């Protein structure tokens, strides 16, 4: 008995019932390649964010009397 799910993408992402072993192998290779590319993109975005944080300029305005002795 198939398990029913509330996720509408489950039906689309499920492998075809008449998939041959060769088709399955090809599908799994494509999924692995897509996963590798996705992880590379995520790593690139993370590195870009970290680089932007390091470049952040902080300006400080000190207010007070110029002859306060400090």
C-alpha atoms as a PDB file:
ATOM      1  CA  UNK A   1       0.000   0.000   0.000  1.00  0.00           C
ATOM      2  CA  UNK A   2       1.590   3.328  -1.036  1.00  0.00           C
ATOM      3  CA  UNK A   3       2.169   5.899   1.649  1.00  0.00           C
ATOM      4  CA  UNK A   4       0.155   9.045   1.071  1.00  0.00           C
ATOM      5  CA  UNK A   5       1.773  12.413   1.659  1.00  0.00           C
ATOM      6  CA  UNK A   6       0.549  15.977   1.836  1.00  0.00           C
ATOM      7  CA  UNK A   7       3.520  17.165  -0.219  1.00  0.00           C
ATOM      8  CA  UNK A   8       2.392  17.780  -3.828  1.00  0.00           C
ATOM      9  CA  UNK A   9       5.952  17.284  -5.116  1.00  0.00           C
ATOM     10  CA  UNK A  10       6.124  13.702  -3.843  1.00  0.00           C
ATOM     11  CA  UNK A  11       4.258  12.444  -6.899  1.00  0.00           C
ATOM     12  CA  UNK A  12       6.462  14.390  -9.313  1.00  0.00           C
ATOM     13  CA  UNK A  13       9.749  13.389  -7.668  1.00  0.00           C
ATOM     14  CA  UNK A  14       8.907   9.706  -7.299  1.00  0.00           C
ATOM     15  CA  UNK A  15      10.818   7.502  -9.784  1.00  0.00           C
ATOM     16  CA  UNK A  16       8.724   5.930 -12.550  1.00  0.00           C
ATOM     17  CA  UNK A  17       7.404   2.464 -11.683  1.00  0.00           C
ATOM     18  CA  UNK A  18       8.828   0.930 -14.886  1.00  0.00           C
ATOM     19  CA  UNK A  19      12.345   2.355 -14.421  1.00  0.00           C
ATOM     20  CA  UNK A  20      15.115   0.047 -15.640  1.00  0.00           C
ATOM     21  CA  UNK A  21      18.347  -0.403 -13.650  1.00  0.00           C
ATOM     22  CA  UNK A  22      20.222   1.639 -16.288  1.00  0.00           C
ATOM     23  CA  UNK A  23      17.684   4.468 -16.061  1.00  0.00           C
ATOM     24  CA  UNK A  24      17.878   4.344 -12.275  1.00  0.00           C
ATOM     25  CA  UNK A  25      21.683   4.592 -12.373  1.00  0.00           C
ATOM     26  CA  UNK A  26      21.500   7.561 -14.766  1.00  0.00           C
ATOM     27  CA  UNK A  27      18.867   9.275 -12.602  1.00  0.00           C
ATOM     28  CA  UNK A  28      20.955   8.792  -9.461  1.00  0.00           C
ATOM     29  CA  UNK A  29      24.065  10.174 -11.198  1.00  0.00           C
ATOM     30  CA  UNK A  30      22.136  13.258 -12.308  1.00  0.00           C
ATOM     31  CA  UNK A  31      20.752  13.774  -8.804  1.00  0.00           C
ATOM     32  CA  UNK A  32      24.252  13.459  -7.316  1.00  0.00           C
ATOM     33  CA  UNK A  33      25.614  15.997  -9.834  1.00  0.00           C
ATOM     34  CA  UNK A  34      22.761  18.408  -9.077  1.00  0.00           C
ATOM     35  CA  UNK A  35      23.434  18.019  -5.338  1.00  0.00           C
ATOM     36  CA  UNK A  36      27.174  18.688  -5.864  1.00  0.00           C
ATOM     37  CA  UNK A  37      26.417  21.848  -7.868  1.00  0.00           C
ATOM     38  CA  UNK A  38      23.916  23.027  -5.269  1.00  0.00           C
ATOM     39  CA  UNK A  39      26.444  22.577  -2.452  1.00  0.00           C
ATOM     40  CA  UNK A  40      29.088  24.448  -4.457  1.00  0.00           C
ATOM     41  CA  UNK A  41      26.692  27.359  -4.994  1.00  0.00           C
ATOM     42  CA  UNK A  42      25.806  27.395  -1.283  1.00  0.00           C
ATOM     43  CA  UNK A  43      29.508  27.450  -0.344  1.00  0.00           C
ATOM     44  CA  UNK A  44      30.143  30.298  -2.777  1.00  0.00           C
ATOM     45  CA  UNK A  45      27.287  32.354  -1.327  1.00  0.00           C
ATOM     46  CA  UNK A  46      28.545  31.731   2.212  1.00  0.00           C
ATOM     47  CA  UNK A  47      32.106  32.779   1.281  1.00  0.00           C
ATOM     48  CA  UNK A  48      30.783  35.914  -0.411  1.00  0.00           C
ATOM     49  CA  UNK A  49      28.794  36.872   2.704  1.00  0.00           C
ATOM     50  CA  UNK A  50      31.838  36.364   4.935  1.00  0.00           C
ATOM     51  CA  UNK A  51      34.000  38.476   2.616  1.00  0.00           C
ATOM     52  CA  UNK A  52      31.387  41.245   2.672  1.00  0.00           C
ATOM     53  CA  UNK A  53      31.330  41.172   6.483  1.00  0.00           C
ATOM     54  CA  UNK A  54      35.113  41.572   6.639  1.00  0.00           C
ATOM     55  CA  UNK A  55      34.958  44.622   4.369  1.00  0.00           C
ATOM     56  CA  UNK A  56      32.367  46.371   6.517  1.00  0.00           C
ATOM     57  CA  UNK A  57      33.566  49.839   7.549  1.00  0.00           C
ATOM     58  CA  UNK A  58      32.656  51.082  10.992  1.00  0.00           C
ATOM     59  CA  UNK A  59      32.759  54.817  11.610  1.00  0.00           C
ATOM     60  CA  UNK A  60      32.698  56.200  15.084  1.00  0.00           C
ATOM     61  CA  UNK A  61      31.796  59.757  15.983  1.00  0.00           C
ATOM     62  CA  UNK A  62      33.062  60.901  19.360  1.00  0.00           C
ATOM     63  CA  UNK A  63      31.177  63.769  20.913  1.00  0.00           C
ATOM     64  CA  UNK A  64      32.434  65.889  23.773  1.00  0.00           C
ATOM     65  CA  UNK A  65      34.545  68.840  24.690  1.00  0.00           C
ATOM     66  CA  UNK A  66      37.805  69.106  22.811  1.00  0.00           C
ATOM     67  CA  UNK A  67      39.692  70.272  25.921  1.00  0.00           C
ATOM     68  CA  UNK A  68      38.289  67.640  28.292  1.00  0.00           C
ATOM     69  CA  UNK A  69      41.738  66.213  28.978  1.00  0.00           C
ATOM     70  CA  UNK A  70      41.136  62.898  27.347  1.00  0.00           C
END
